[in-house]
Amino acid sequence: MSQQQQQDFLIAYTVDRMTEYLIEDHDLPIIKALQFIYNSDTYQKLIQTDNGLYEQSPSYVYELLNKEYHTGVA
């Protein structure tokens, strides 16, 4: 598996877990959870692989996303 494939896998896995967390914590339908994630500043940071955020645990990245959900600020 190439480094790019590993990065893509970890990002996709993190998005999957964050989607589950949003649905559980905020009772959102899956489509709303995904829309929020893909339009968030947190997601933009996640896909910028040079900062290493994609290497963090999904629960850590979700804490950033959840803060953004509540405050509007990443």
Protein backbone atom coordinates (compact mmCIF):
# COMPACT_ATOMS: atom_id res chain seq x y z
CA MET A 1 0.00 0.00 0.00
CA SER A 2 1.46 3.36 -1.01
CA GLN A 3 1.70 6.31 1.35
CA GLN A 4 -1.09 8.07 -0.56
CA GLN A 5 -3.34 5.02 -0.19
CA GLN A 6 -2.60 4.89 3.54
CA GLN A 7 -3.44 8.58 3.92
CA ASP A 8 -6.66 8.16 1.95
CA PHE A 9 -7.63 5.14 4.04
CA LEU A 10 -7.00 6.92 7.35
CA ILE A 11 -8.93 10.00 6.23
CA ALA A 12 -11.89 7.90 5.06
CA TYR A 13 -11.84 5.92 8.32
CA THR A 14 -11.79 9.13 10.37
CA VAL A 15 -14.72 10.54 8.38
CA ASP A 16 -16.66 7.30 8.92
CA ARG A 17 -16.12 7.41 12.67
CA MET A 18 -16.88 11.13 12.94
CA THR A 19 -20.12 10.52 11.06
CA GLU A 20 -21.08 7.86 13.58
CA TYR A 21 -20.21 10.16 16.49
CA LEU A 22 -22.25 13.06 15.08
CA ILE A 23 -25.25 10.80 14.54
CA GLU A 24 -25.01 9.41 18.07
CA ASP A 25 -24.25 12.69 19.87
CA HIS A 26 -26.55 15.03 17.97
CA ASP A 27 -29.23 12.73 16.57
CA LEU A 28 -28.50 13.84 13.00
CA PRO A 29 -29.52 11.97 9.89
CA ILE A 30 -26.52 10.55 8.05
CA ILE A 31 -26.82 13.01 5.17
CA LYS A 32 -26.74 16.03 7.53
CA ALA A 33 -23.77 14.60 9.41
CA LEU A 34 -21.83 14.07 6.19
CA GLN A 35 -22.75 17.52 4.89
CA PHE A 36 -21.50 19.09 8.08
CA ILE A 37 -18.24 17.15 7.99
CA TYR A 38 -17.44 17.83 4.35
CA ASN A 39 -18.22 21.55 4.73
CA SER A 40 -16.25 21.95 7.97
CA ASP A 41 -12.91 23.62 8.57
CA THR A 42 -11.93 20.50 10.49
CA TYR A 43 -12.29 18.40 7.33
CA GLN A 44 -10.19 20.89 5.38
CA LYS A 45 -7.46 20.51 7.99
CA LEU A 46 -7.83 16.72 7.93
CA ILE A 47 -7.20 16.47 4.19
CA GLN A 48 -4.10 18.68 4.36
CA THR A 49 -1.80 15.76 5.00
CA ASP A 50 1.26 17.90 5.67
CA ASN A 51 -0.05 18.80 9.15
CA GLY A 52 -0.40 15.16 10.26
CA LEU A 53 -3.97 15.51 11.58
CA TYR A 54 -5.03 12.45 9.58
CA GLU A 55 -2.63 10.41 11.75
CA GLN A 56 -4.50 11.30 14.97
CA SER A 57 -7.27 9.14 16.37
CA PRO A 58 -10.77 9.67 14.98
CA SER A 59 -12.00 10.58 18.47
CA TYR A 60 -9.38 13.36 18.72
CA VAL A 61 -10.36 14.78 15.33
CA TYR A 62 -14.02 14.47 16.33
CA GLU A 63 -13.40 16.65 19.39
CA LEU A 64 -12.23 19.38 17.01
CA LEU A 65 -15.27 18.82 14.80
CA ASN A 66 -17.65 18.79 17.76
CA LYS A 67 -16.21 22.08 18.98
CA GLU A 68 -16.82 23.50 15.51
CA TYR A 69 -20.35 22.11 15.55
CA HIS A 70 -21.11 23.94 18.81
CA THR A 71 -19.21 27.17 18.23
CA GLY A 72 -18.87 27.49 14.47
CA VAL A 73 -15.11 27.81 14.92
CA ALA A 74 -12.60 25.05 14.20
